[in-house]
Amino acid sequence: MGKPSDLVQGTLDLLILKTISLEPKHGWAIAKRIQQISSAVQQVQQRSPYPALHRLEQKAWIKAKWAETETGRKAKLYSLTAAGRAQLEKEAANWSRLSTAINLVVETT
């Protein structure tokens, strides 16, 4: 069995896009929210989201702006762009197809 921190390759982008789809968040808050929603099954290491965030920003799927956090510190808050919302829909549909196919294989006796 894999470690709780193992992410299926390619899912971090989907998890990030979904996490910020409702409201902008900074990198650490994104990682904590993924952990919280998954009941700690998916754990994103403290530095892990930043390369993904930069990659998503370069693809124009997210945008960042500096703002004050709830603790009064300055942080980059990430939010989805229109292109990011479209990509989230594509990634979610792909994940649904893939997970359904894997479940079929695993559950076949």
PDB file of N, CA and C in Angstrom:
ATOM      1  N   MET A   1       0.851  -1.179   0.000  1.00  0.00           N
ATOM      2  CA  MET A   1       0.000   0.000   0.000  1.00  0.00           C
ATOM      3  C   MET A   1       0.887   1.230   0.000  1.00  0.00           C
ATOM      4  N   GLY A   2       0.505   2.248  -0.745  1.00  0.00           N
ATOM      5  CA  GLY A   2       1.290   3.473  -0.842  1.00  0.00           C
ATOM      6  C   GLY A   2       1.230   4.296   0.428  1.00  0.00           C
ATOM      7  N   LYS A   3       2.172   5.192   0.538  1.00  0.00           N
ATOM      8  CA  LYS A   3       2.180   6.126   1.661  1.00  0.00           C
ATOM      9  C   LYS A   3       1.030   7.112   1.479  1.00  0.00           C
ATOM     10  N   PRO A   4       0.492   7.664   2.581  1.00  0.00           N
ATOM     11  CA  PRO A   4      -0.599   8.618   2.455  1.00  0.00           C
ATOM     12  C   PRO A   4      -0.244   9.830   1.598  1.00  0.00           C
ATOM     13  N   SER A   5       1.039  10.168   1.485  1.00  0.00           N
ATOM     14  CA  SER A   5       1.430  11.356   0.735  1.00  0.00           C
ATOM     15  C   SER A   5       1.575  11.103  -0.760  1.00  0.00           C
ATOM     16  N   ASP A   6       1.468   9.835  -1.190  1.00  0.00           N
ATOM     17  CA  ASP A   6       1.609   9.524  -2.608  1.00  0.00           C
ATOM     18  C   ASP A   6       0.443  10.106  -3.399  1.00  0.00           C
ATOM     19  N   LEU A   7       0.757  10.819  -4.462  1.00  0.00           N
ATOM     20  CA  LEU A   7      -0.260  11.336  -5.371  1.00  0.00           C
ATOM     21  C   LEU A   7      -0.157  10.579  -6.676  1.00  0.00           C
ATOM     22  N   VAL A   8      -1.289  10.212  -7.239  1.00  0.00           N
ATOM     23  CA  VAL A   8      -1.279   9.607  -8.559  1.00  0.00           C
ATOM     24  C   VAL A   8      -0.711  10.643  -9.515  1.00  0.00           C
ATOM     25  N   GLN A   9       0.225  10.215 -10.358  1.00  0.00           N
ATOM     26  CA  GLN A   9       0.881  11.149 -11.261  1.00  0.00           C
ATOM     27  C   GLN A   9      -0.139  11.934 -12.073  1.00  0.00           C
ATOM     28  N   GLY A  10       0.023  13.243 -12.099  1.00  0.00           N
ATOM     29  CA  GLY A  10      -0.855  14.098 -12.875  1.00  0.00           C
ATOM     30  C   GLY A  10      -2.078  14.617 -12.142  1.00  0.00           C
ATOM     31  N   THR A  11      -2.301  14.173 -10.906  1.00  0.00           N
ATOM     32  CA  THR A  11      -3.511  14.605 -10.202  1.00  0.00           C
ATOM     33  C   THR A  11      -3.335  15.909  -9.431  1.00  0.00           C
ATOM     34  N   LEU A  12      -2.104  16.326  -9.167  1.00  0.00           N
ATOM     35  CA  LEU A  12      -1.907  17.536  -8.376  1.00  0.00           C
ATOM     36  C   LEU A  12      -2.521  18.749  -9.066  1.00  0.00           C
ATOM     37  N   ASP A  13      -2.361  18.866 -10.378  1.00  0.00           N
ATOM     38  CA  ASP A  13      -2.966  19.990 -11.099  1.00  0.00           C
ATOM     39  C   ASP A  13      -4.478  20.004 -10.903  1.00  0.00           C
ATOM     40  N   LEU A  14      -5.101  18.845 -11.058  1.00  0.00           N
ATOM     41  CA  LEU A  14      -6.548  18.745 -10.884  1.00  0.00           C
ATOM     42  C   LEU A  14      -6.949  19.140  -9.464  1.00  0.00           C
ATOM     43  N   LEU A  15      -6.230  18.649  -8.475  1.00  0.00           N
ATOM     44  CA  LEU A  15      -6.556  18.964  -7.083  1.00  0.00           C
ATOM     45  C   LEU A  15      -6.406  20.454  -6.789  1.00  0.00           C
ATOM     46  N   ILE A  16      -5.381  21.063  -7.343  1.00  0.00           N
ATOM     47  CA  ILE A  16      -5.170  22.503  -7.140  1.00  0.00           C
ATOM     48  C   ILE A  16      -6.280  23.296  -7.814  1.00  0.00           C
ATOM     49  N   LEU A  17      -6.576  22.979  -9.063  1.00  0.00           N
ATOM     50  CA  LEU A  17      -7.618  23.700  -9.790  1.00  0.00           C
ATOM     51  C   LEU A  17      -8.955  23.589  -9.062  1.00  0.00           C
ATOM     52  N   LYS A  18      -9.275  22.399  -8.599  1.00  0.00           N
ATOM     53  CA  LYS A  18     -10.545  22.199  -7.882  1.00  0.00           C
ATOM     54  C   LYS A  18     -10.551  22.971  -6.564  1.00  0.00           C
ATOM     55  N   THR A  19      -9.439  22.950  -5.862  1.00  0.00           N
ATOM     56  CA  THR A  19      -9.365  23.602  -4.554  1.00  0.00           C
ATOM     57  C   THR A  19      -9.568  25.105  -4.647  1.00  0.00           C
ATOM     58  N   ILE A  20      -9.037  25.728  -5.686  1.00  0.00           N
ATOM     59  CA  ILE A  20      -9.191  27.185  -5.799  1.00  0.00           C
ATOM     60  C   ILE A  20     -10.389  27.587  -6.659  1.00  0.00           C
ATOM     61  N   SER A  21     -11.204  26.617  -7.051  1.00  0.00           N
ATOM     62  CA  SER A  21     -12.351  26.942  -7.901  1.00  0.00           C
ATOM     63  C   SER A  21     -13.414  27.747  -7.156  1.00  0.00           C
ATOM     64  N   LEU A  22     -13.484  27.618  -5.850  1.00  0.00           N
ATOM     65  CA  LEU A  22     -14.492  28.355  -5.083  1.00  0.00           C
ATOM     66  C   LEU A  22     -14.003  29.697  -4.577  1.00  0.00           C
ATOM     67  N   GLU A  23     -12.720  29.743  -4.178  1.00  0.00           N
ATOM     68  CA  GLU A  23     -12.171  30.995  -3.665  1.00  0.00           C
ATOM     69  C   GLU A  23     -10.652  30.983  -3.787  1.00  0.00           C
ATOM     70  N   PRO A  24     -10.047  32.152  -3.944  1.00  0.00           N
ATOM     71  CA  PRO A  24      -8.587  32.225  -4.025  1.00  0.00           C
ATOM     72  C   PRO A  24      -7.944  31.730  -2.723  1.00  0.00           C
ATOM     73  N   LYS A  25      -6.811  31.079  -2.864  1.00  0.00           N
ATOM     74  CA  LYS A  25      -6.055  30.583  -1.702  1.00  0.00           C
ATOM     75  C   LYS A  25      -4.571  30.720  -1.974  1.00  0.00           C
ATOM     76  N   HIS A  26      -3.790  30.808  -0.900  1.00  0.00           N
ATOM     77  CA  HIS A  26      -2.339  30.794  -1.039  1.00  0.00           C
ATOM     78  C   HIS A  26      -1.864  29.346  -1.013  1.00  0.00           C
ATOM     79  N   GLY A  27      -0.615  29.142  -1.414  1.00  0.00           N
ATOM     80  CA  GLY A  27      -0.079  27.794  -1.598  1.00  0.00           C
ATOM     81  C   GLY A  27      -0.240  26.866  -0.421  1.00  0.00           C
ATOM     82  N   TRP A  28       0.102  27.332   0.761  1.00  0.00           N
ATOM     83  CA  TRP A  28       0.007  26.465   1.941  1.00  0.00           C
ATOM     84  C   TRP A  28      -1.452  26.140   2.248  1.00  0.00           C
ATOM     85  N   ALA A  29      -2.358  27.108   2.063  1.00  0.00           N
ATOM     86  CA  ALA A  29      -3.785  26.865   2.302  1.00  0.00           C
ATOM     87  C   ALA A  29      -4.335  25.842   1.308  1.00  0.00           C
ATOM     88  N   ILE A  30      -3.820  25.861   0.085  1.00  0.00           N
ATOM     89  CA  ILE A  30      -4.232  24.871  -0.917  1.00  0.00           C
ATOM     90  C   ILE A  30      -3.843  23.473  -0.443  1.00  0.00           C
ATOM     91  N   ALA A  31      -2.600  23.319  -0.019  1.00  0.00           N
ATOM     92  CA  ALA A  31      -2.116  22.019   0.457  1.00  0.00           C
ATOM     93  C   ALA A  31      -2.922  21.533   1.664  1.00  0.00           C
ATOM     94  N   LYS A  32      -3.196  22.436   2.593  1.00  0.00           N
ATOM     95  CA  LYS A  32      -3.954  22.059   3.799  1.00  0.00           C
ATOM     96  C   LYS A  32      -5.397  21.683   3.450  1.00  0.00           C
ATOM     97  N   ARG A  33      -5.993  22.391   2.498  1.00  0.00           N
ATOM     98  CA  ARG A  33      -7.375  22.098   2.099  1.00  0.00           C
ATOM     99  C   ARG A  33      -7.466  20.735   1.424  1.00  0.00           C
ATOM    100  N   ILE A  34      -6.507  20.402   0.576  1.00  0.00           N
ATOM    101  CA  ILE A  34      -6.482  19.083  -0.061  1.00  0.00           C
ATOM    102  C   ILE A  34      -6.401  18.000   1.009  1.00  0.00           C
ATOM    103  N   GLN A  35      -5.538  18.203   1.973  1.00  0.00           N
ATOM    104  CA  GLN A  35      -5.393  17.241   3.066  1.00  0.00           C
ATOM    105  C   GLN A  35      -6.688  17.129   3.866  1.00  0.00           C
ATOM    106  N   GLN A  36      -7.307  18.260   4.167  1.00  0.00           N
ATOM    107  CA  GLN A  36      -8.538  18.273   4.958  1.00  0.00           C
ATOM    108  C   GLN A  36      -9.682  17.565   4.223  1.00  0.00           C
ATOM    109  N   ILE A  37      -9.894  17.918   2.974  1.00  0.00           N
ATOM    110  CA  ILE A  37     -11.008  17.348   2.199  1.00  0.00           C
ATOM    111  C   ILE A  37     -10.825  15.844   2.001  1.00  0.00           C
ATOM    112  N   SER A  38      -9.597  15.392   1.842  1.00  0.00           N
ATOM    113  CA  SER A  38      -9.341  13.969   1.596  1.00  0.00           C
ATOM    114  C   SER A  38      -9.218  13.170   2.886  1.00  0.00           C
ATOM    115  N   SER A  39      -9.568  13.757   4.010  1.00  0.00           N
ATOM    116  CA  SER A  39      -9.435  13.098   5.315  1.00  0.00           C
ATOM    117  C   SER A  39      -8.000  12.635   5.545  1.00  0.00           C
ATOM    118  N   ALA A  40      -7.062  13.474   5.149  1.00  0.00           N
ATOM    119  CA  ALA A  40      -5.620  13.258   5.332  1.00  0.00           C
ATOM    120  C   ALA A  40      -5.062  12.109   4.495  1.00  0.00           C
ATOM    121  N   VAL A  41      -5.835  11.579   3.552  1.00  0.00           N
ATOM    122  CA  VAL A  41      -5.310  10.533   2.670  1.00  0.00           C
ATOM    123  C   VAL A  41      -4.329  11.144   1.690  1.00  0.00           C
ATOM    124  N   GLN A  42      -4.674  12.309   1.130  1.00  0.00           N
ATOM    125  CA  GLN A  42      -3.774  13.017   0.230  1.00  0.00           C
ATOM    126  C   GLN A  42      -3.076  14.119   1.014  1.00  0.00           C
ATOM    127  N   GLN A  43      -1.784  13.992   1.137  1.00  0.00           N
ATOM    128  CA  GLN A  43      -1.006  15.017   1.822  1.00  0.00           C
ATOM    129  C   GLN A  43      -0.035  15.621   0.825  1.00  0.00           C
ATOM    130  N   VAL A  44      -0.083  16.932   0.729  1.00  0.00           N
ATOM    131  CA  VAL A  44       0.803  17.651  -0.177  1.00  0.00           C
ATOM    132  C   VAL A  44       1.901  18.258   0.675  1.00  0.00           C
ATOM    133  N   GLN A  45       3.134  17.890   0.397  1.00  0.00           N
ATOM    134  CA  GLN A  45       4.256  18.409   1.170  1.00  0.00           C
ATOM    135  C   GLN A  45       4.328  19.930   1.042  1.00  0.00           C
ATOM    136  N   GLN A  46       4.916  20.575   2.027  1.00  0.00           N
ATOM    137  CA  GLN A  46       4.893  22.034   2.114  1.00  0.00           C
ATOM    138  C   GLN A  46       5.357  22.722   0.836  1.00  0.00           C
ATOM    139  N   ARG A  47       6.397  22.232   0.190  1.00  0.00           N
ATOM    140  CA  ARG A  47       6.916  22.891  -1.020  1.00  0.00           C
ATOM    141  C   ARG A  47       6.314  22.356  -2.318  1.00  0.00           C
ATOM    142  N   SER A  48       5.613  21.241  -2.249  1.00  0.00           N
ATOM    143  CA  SER A  48       5.113  20.584  -3.457  1.00  0.00           C
ATOM    144  C   SER A  48       4.188  21.423  -4.324  1.00  0.00           C
ATOM    145  N   PRO A  49       3.278  22.205  -3.759  1.00  0.00           N
ATOM    146  CA  PRO A  49       2.351  22.893  -4.667  1.00  0.00           C
ATOM    147  C   PRO A  49       2.994  24.005  -5.488  1.00  0.00           C
ATOM    148  N   TYR A  50       4.120  24.543  -5.066  1.00  0.00           N
ATOM    149  CA  TYR A  50       4.658  25.734  -5.725  1.00  0.00           C
ATOM    150  C   TYR A  50       5.129  25.499  -7.151  1.00  0.00           C
ATOM    151  N   PRO A  51       5.846  24.432  -7.460  1.00  0.00           N
ATOM    152  CA  PRO A  51       6.180  24.197  -8.876  1.00  0.00           C
ATOM    153  C   PRO A  51       4.916  24.016  -9.723  1.00  0.00           C
ATOM    154  N   ALA A  52       3.923  23.328  -9.181  1.00  0.00           N
ATOM    155  CA  ALA A  52       2.669  23.144  -9.906  1.00  0.00           C
ATOM    156  C   ALA A  52       1.949  24.478 -10.089  1.00  0.00           C
ATOM    157  N   LEU A  53       1.932  25.296  -9.063  1.00  0.00           N
ATOM    158  CA  LEU A  53       1.287  26.611  -9.162  1.00  0.00           C
ATOM    159  C   LEU A  53       1.960  27.470 -10.228  1.00  0.00           C
ATOM    160  N   HIS A  54       3.279  27.450 -10.262  1.00  0.00           N
ATOM    161  CA  HIS A  54       4.005  28.218 -11.284  1.00  0.00           C
ATOM    162  C   HIS A  54       3.684  27.696 -12.684  1.00  0.00           C
ATOM    163  N   ARG A  55       3.629  26.371 -12.829  1.00  0.00           N
ATOM    164  CA  ARG A  55       3.316  25.764 -14.121  1.00  0.00           C
ATOM    165  C   ARG A  55       1.897  26.150 -14.558  1.00  0.00           C
ATOM    166  N   LEU A  56       0.946  26.082 -13.638  1.00  0.00           N
ATOM    167  CA  LEU A  56      -0.436  26.434 -13.959  1.00  0.00           C
ATOM    168  C   LEU A  56      -0.569  27.918 -14.297  1.00  0.00           C
ATOM    169  N   GLU A  57       0.221  28.744 -13.621  1.00  0.00           N
ATOM    170  CA  GLU A  57       0.210  30.178 -13.908  1.00  0.00           C
ATOM    171  C   GLU A  57       0.784  30.452 -15.308  1.00  0.00           C
ATOM    172  N   GLN A  58       1.849  29.739 -15.675  1.00  0.00           N
ATOM    173  CA  GLN A  58       2.439  29.899 -17.007  1.00  0.00           C
ATOM    174  C   GLN A  58       1.471  29.479 -18.110  1.00  0.00           C
ATOM    175  N   LYS A  59       0.627  28.505 -17.811  1.00  0.00           N
ATOM    176  CA  LYS A  59      -0.369  28.054 -18.783  1.00  0.00           C
ATOM    177  C   LYS A  59      -1.598  28.962 -18.791  1.00  0.00           C
ATOM    178  N   ALA A  60      -1.606  29.968 -17.921  1.00  0.00           N
ATOM    179  CA  ALA A  60      -2.714  30.935 -17.795  1.00  0.00           C
ATOM    180  C   ALA A  60      -3.999  30.286 -17.302  1.00  0.00           C
ATOM    181  N   TRP A  61      -3.872  29.188 -16.559  1.00  0.00           N
ATOM    182  CA  TRP A  61      -5.040  28.548 -15.973  1.00  0.00           C
ATOM    183  C   TRP A  61      -5.355  29.142 -14.607  1.00  0.00           C
ATOM    184  N   ILE A  62      -4.346  29.758 -14.000  1.00  0.00           N
ATOM    185  CA  ILE A  62      -4.552  30.448 -12.734  1.00  0.00           C
ATOM    186  C   ILE A  62      -3.857  31.803 -12.806  1.00  0.00           C
ATOM    187  N   LYS A  63      -4.249  32.690 -11.921  1.00  0.00           N
ATOM    188  CA  LYS A  63      -3.559  33.972 -11.806  1.00  0.00           C
ATOM    189  C   LYS A  63      -3.267  34.190 -10.326  1.00  0.00           C
ATOM    190  N   ALA A  64      -2.267  35.003 -10.071  1.00  0.00           N
ATOM    191  CA  ALA A  64      -1.861  35.245  -8.687  1.00  0.00           C
ATOM    192  C   ALA A  64      -1.831  36.737  -8.416  1.00  0.00           C
ATOM    193  N   LYS A  65      -2.157  37.076  -7.184  1.00  0.00           N
ATOM    194  CA  LYS A  65      -1.999  38.466  -6.758  1.00  0.00           C
ATOM    195  C   LYS A  65      -1.602  38.458  -5.288  1.00  0.00           C
ATOM    196  N   TRP A  66      -0.792  39.433  -4.930  1.00  0.00           N
ATOM    197  CA  TRP A  66      -0.359  39.558  -3.552  1.00  0.00           C
ATOM    198  C   TRP A  66      -1.485  40.172  -2.735  1.00  0.00           C
ATOM    199  N   ALA A  67      -1.726  39.605  -1.565  1.00  0.00           N
ATOM    200  CA  ALA A  67      -2.771  40.113  -0.677  1.00  0.00           C
ATOM    201  C   ALA A  67      -2.426  39.730   0.756  1.00  0.00           C
ATOM    202  N   GLU A  68      -3.112  40.336   1.671  1.00  0.00           N
ATOM    203  CA  GLU A  68      -2.917  40.028   3.079  1.00  0.00           C
ATOM    204  C   GLU A  68      -3.785  38.825   3.444  1.00  0.00           C
ATOM    205  N   THR A  69      -3.201  37.879   4.170  1.00  0.00           N
ATOM    206  CA  THR A  69      -3.938  36.686   4.581  1.00  0.00           C
ATOM    207  C   THR A  69      -4.700  36.973   5.867  1.00  0.00           C
ATOM    208  N   GLU A  70      -5.452  35.977   6.304  1.00  0.00           N
ATOM    209  CA  GLU A  70      -6.223  36.101   7.540  1.00  0.00           C
ATOM    210  C   GLU A  70      -5.328  36.302   8.765  1.00  0.00           C
ATOM    211  N   THR A  71      -4.057  35.912   8.651  1.00  0.00           N
ATOM    212  CA  THR A  71      -3.125  36.113   9.766  1.00  0.00           C
ATOM    213  C   THR A  71      -2.384  37.435   9.672  1.00  0.00           C
ATOM    214  N   GLY A  72      -2.674  38.215   8.635  1.00  0.00           N
ATOM    215  CA  GLY A  72      -2.033  39.510   8.479  1.00  0.00           C
ATOM    216  C   GLY A  72      -0.737  39.497   7.689  1.00  0.00           C
ATOM    217  N   ARG A  73      -0.333  38.336   7.223  1.00  0.00           N
ATOM    218  CA  ARG A  73       0.889  38.230   6.418  1.00  0.00           C
ATOM    219  C   ARG A  73       0.550  38.412   4.948  1.00  0.00           C
ATOM    220  N   LYS A  74       1.524  38.869   4.174  1.00  0.00           N
ATOM    221  CA  LYS A  74       1.356  38.983   2.723  1.00  0.00           C
ATOM    222  C   LYS A  74       1.637  37.619   2.094  1.00  0.00           C
ATOM    223  N   ALA A  75       0.802  37.252   1.128  1.00  0.00           N
ATOM    224  CA  ALA A  75       0.984  35.981   0.425  1.00  0.00           C
ATOM    225  C   ALA A  75       0.378  36.110  -0.964  1.00  0.00           C
ATOM    226  N   LYS A  76       0.862  35.272  -1.871  1.00  0.00           N
ATOM    227  CA  LYS A  76       0.286  35.205  -3.210  1.00  0.00           C
ATOM    228  C   LYS A  76      -0.990  34.379  -3.130  1.00  0.00           C
ATOM    229  N   LEU A  77      -2.096  34.970  -3.546  1.00  0.00           N
ATOM    230  CA  LEU A  77      -3.358  34.246  -3.602  1.00  0.00           C
ATOM    231  C   LEU A  77      -3.613  33.840  -5.046  1.00  0.00           C
ATOM    232  N   TYR A  78      -3.932  32.580  -5.222  1.00  0.00           N
ATOM    233  CA  TYR A  78      -4.142  32.023  -6.556  1.00  0.00           C
ATOM    234  C   TYR A  78      -5.633  31.835  -6.810  1.00  0.00           C
ATOM    235  N   SER A  79      -6.063  32.184  -8.022  1.00  0.00           N
ATOM    236  CA  SER A  79      -7.453  31.993  -8.413  1.00  0.00           C
ATOM    237  C   SER A  79      -7.498  31.495  -9.856  1.00  0.00           C
ATOM    238  N   LEU A  80      -8.633  30.904 -10.221  1.00  0.00           N
ATOM    239  CA  LEU A  80      -8.797  30.367 -11.568  1.00  0.00           C
ATOM    240  C   LEU A  80      -9.076  31.472 -12.575  1.00  0.00           C
ATOM    241  N   THR A  81      -8.603  31.265 -13.775  1.00  0.00           N
ATOM    242  CA  THR A  81      -8.973  32.107 -14.917  1.00  0.00           C
ATOM    243  C   THR A  81     -10.090  31.374 -15.657  1.00  0.00           C
ATOM    244  N   ALA A  82     -10.649  32.010 -16.660  1.00  0.00           N
ATOM    245  CA  ALA A  82     -11.668  31.347 -17.486  1.00  0.00           C
ATOM    246  C   ALA A  82     -11.079  30.098 -18.146  1.00  0.00           C
ATOM    247  N   ALA A  83      -9.851  30.204 -18.619  1.00  0.00           N
ATOM    248  CA  ALA A  83      -9.181  29.041 -19.219  1.00  0.00           C
ATOM    249  C   ALA A  83      -8.969  27.948 -18.173  1.00  0.00           C
ATOM    250  N   GLY A  84      -8.705  28.349 -16.944  1.00  0.00           N
ATOM    251  CA  GLY A  84      -8.527  27.390 -15.857  1.00  0.00           C
ATOM    252  C   GLY A  84      -9.809  26.647 -15.530  1.00  0.00           C
ATOM    253  N   ARG A  85     -10.934  27.350 -15.578  1.00  0.00           N
ATOM    254  CA  ARG A  85     -12.234  26.691 -15.345  1.00  0.00           C
ATOM    255  C   ARG A  85     -12.508  25.654 -16.434  1.00  0.00           C
ATOM    256  N   ALA A  86     -12.205  26.010 -17.666  1.00  0.00           N
ATOM    257  CA  ALA A  86     -12.386  25.066 -18.770  1.00  0.00           C
ATOM    258  C   ALA A  86     -11.465  23.860 -18.599  1.00  0.00           C
ATOM    259  N   GLN A  87     -10.225  24.104 -18.195  1.00  0.00           N
ATOM    260  CA  GLN A  87      -9.275  23.014 -17.982  1.00  0.00           C
ATOM    261  C   GLN A  87      -9.714  22.127 -16.824  1.00  0.00           C
ATOM    262  N   LEU A  88     -10.253  22.728 -15.770  1.00  0.00           N
ATOM    263  CA  LEU A  88     -10.754  21.951 -14.632  1.00  0.00           C
ATOM    264  C   LEU A  88     -11.837  20.987 -15.098  1.00  0.00           C
ATOM    265  N   GLU A  89     -12.737  21.445 -15.934  1.00  0.00           N
ATOM    266  CA  GLU A  89     -13.789  20.567 -16.455  1.00  0.00           C
ATOM    267  C   GLU A  89     -13.197  19.412 -17.249  1.00  0.00           C
ATOM    268  N   LYS A  90     -12.208  19.704 -18.095  1.00  0.00           N
ATOM    269  CA  LYS A  90     -11.553  18.657 -18.880  1.00  0.00           C
ATOM    270  C   LYS A  90     -10.842  17.660 -17.978  1.00  0.00           C
ATOM    271  N   GLU A  91     -10.067  18.176 -17.018  1.00  0.00           N
ATOM    272  CA  GLU A  91      -9.299  17.303 -16.118  1.00  0.00           C
ATOM    273  C   GLU A  91     -10.228  16.441 -15.267  1.00  0.00           C
ATOM    274  N   ALA A  92     -11.323  17.020 -14.797  1.00  0.00           N
ATOM    275  CA  ALA A  92     -12.275  16.259 -13.977  1.00  0.00           C
ATOM    276  C   ALA A  92     -12.927  15.146 -14.806  1.00  0.00           C
ATOM    277  N   ALA A  93     -13.284  15.449 -16.057  1.00  0.00           N
ATOM    278  CA  ALA A  93     -13.874  14.431 -16.929  1.00  0.00           C
ATOM    279  C   ALA A  93     -12.864  13.316 -17.216  1.00  0.00           C
ATOM    280  N   ASN A  94     -11.605  13.696 -17.473  1.00  0.00           N
ATOM    281  CA  ASN A  94     -10.564  12.687 -17.710  1.00  0.00           C
ATOM    282  C   ASN A  94     -10.362  11.813 -16.483  1.00  0.00           C
ATOM    283  N   TRP A  95     -10.339  12.438 -15.306  1.00  0.00           N
ATOM    284  CA  TRP A  95     -10.159  11.682 -14.065  1.00  0.00           C
ATOM    285  C   TRP A  95     -11.322  10.712 -13.860  1.00  0.00           C
ATOM    286  N   SER A  96     -12.526  11.166 -14.127  1.00  0.00           N
ATOM    287  CA  SER A  96     -13.700  10.310 -13.967  1.00  0.00           C
ATOM    288  C   SER A  96     -13.613   9.091 -14.873  1.00  0.00           C
ATOM    289  N   ARG A  97     -13.240   9.304 -16.144  1.00  0.00           N
ATOM    290  CA  ARG A  97     -13.083   8.182 -17.081  1.00  0.00           C
ATOM    291  C   ARG A  97     -11.995   7.223 -16.612  1.00  0.00           C
ATOM    292  N   LEU A  98     -10.854   7.784 -16.211  1.00  0.00           N
ATOM    293  CA  LEU A  98      -9.730   6.951 -15.789  1.00  0.00           C
ATOM    294  C   LEU A  98     -10.061   6.156 -14.530  1.00  0.00           C
ATOM    295  N   SER A  99     -10.623   6.819 -13.524  1.00  0.00           N
ATOM    296  CA  SER A  99     -10.915   6.117 -12.268  1.00  0.00           C
ATOM    297  C   SER A  99     -11.993   5.054 -12.471  1.00  0.00           C
ATOM    298  N   THR A 100     -12.965   5.309 -13.349  1.00  0.00           N
ATOM    299  CA  THR A 100     -13.982   4.304 -13.654  1.00  0.00           C
ATOM    300  C   THR A 100     -13.340   3.083 -14.312  1.00  0.00           C
ATOM    301  N   ALA A 101     -12.445   3.321 -15.264  1.00  0.00           N
ATOM    302  CA  ALA A 101     -11.768   2.212 -15.949  1.00  0.00           C
ATOM    303  C   ALA A 101     -10.911   1.401 -14.981  1.00  0.00           C
ATOM    304  N   ILE A 102     -10.188   2.093 -14.112  1.00  0.00           N
ATOM    305  CA  ILE A 102      -9.349   1.387 -13.133  1.00  0.00           C
ATOM    306  C   ILE A 102     -10.217   0.569 -12.182  1.00  0.00           C
ATOM    307  N   ASN A 103     -11.326   1.139 -11.718  1.00  0.00           N
ATOM    308  CA  ASN A 103     -12.233   0.413 -10.839  1.00  0.00           C
ATOM    309  C   ASN A 103     -12.784  -0.843 -11.517  1.00  0.00           C
ATOM    310  N   LEU A 104     -13.096  -0.751 -12.797  1.00  0.00           N
ATOM    311  CA  LEU A 104     -13.580  -1.924 -13.523  1.00  0.00           C
ATOM    312  C   LEU A 104     -12.550  -3.039 -13.508  1.00  0.00           C
ATOM    313  N   VAL A 105     -11.297  -2.677 -13.743  1.00  0.00           N
ATOM    314  CA  VAL A 105     -10.233  -3.683 -13.756  1.00  0.00           C
ATOM    315  C   VAL A 105     -10.030  -4.268 -12.363  1.00  0.00           C
ATOM    316  N   VAL A 106      -9.968  -3.421 -11.369  1.00  0.00           N
ATOM    317  CA  VAL A 106      -9.695  -3.866  -9.993  1.00  0.00           C
ATOM    318  C   VAL A 106     -10.848  -4.723  -9.450  1.00  0.00           C
ATOM    319  N   GLU A 107     -12.061  -4.358  -9.779  1.00  0.00           N
ATOM    320  CA  GLU A 107     -13.213  -5.061  -9.209  1.00  0.00           C
ATOM    321  C   GLU A 107     -13.642  -6.293  -9.988  1.00  0.00           C
ATOM    322  N   THR A 108     -13.029  -6.545 -11.143  1.00  0.00           N
ATOM    323  CA  THR A 108     -13.373  -7.719 -11.929  1.00  0.00           C
ATOM    324  C   THR A 108     -12.767  -8.941 -11.259  1.00  0.00           C
ATOM    325  N   THR A 109     -13.570  -9.957 -11.105  1.00  0.00           N
ATOM    326  CA  THR A 109     -13.088 -11.180 -10.437  1.00  0.00           C
ATOM    327  C   THR A 109     -12.567 -12.205 -11.413  1.00  0.00           C
TER     328      THR A 109
END
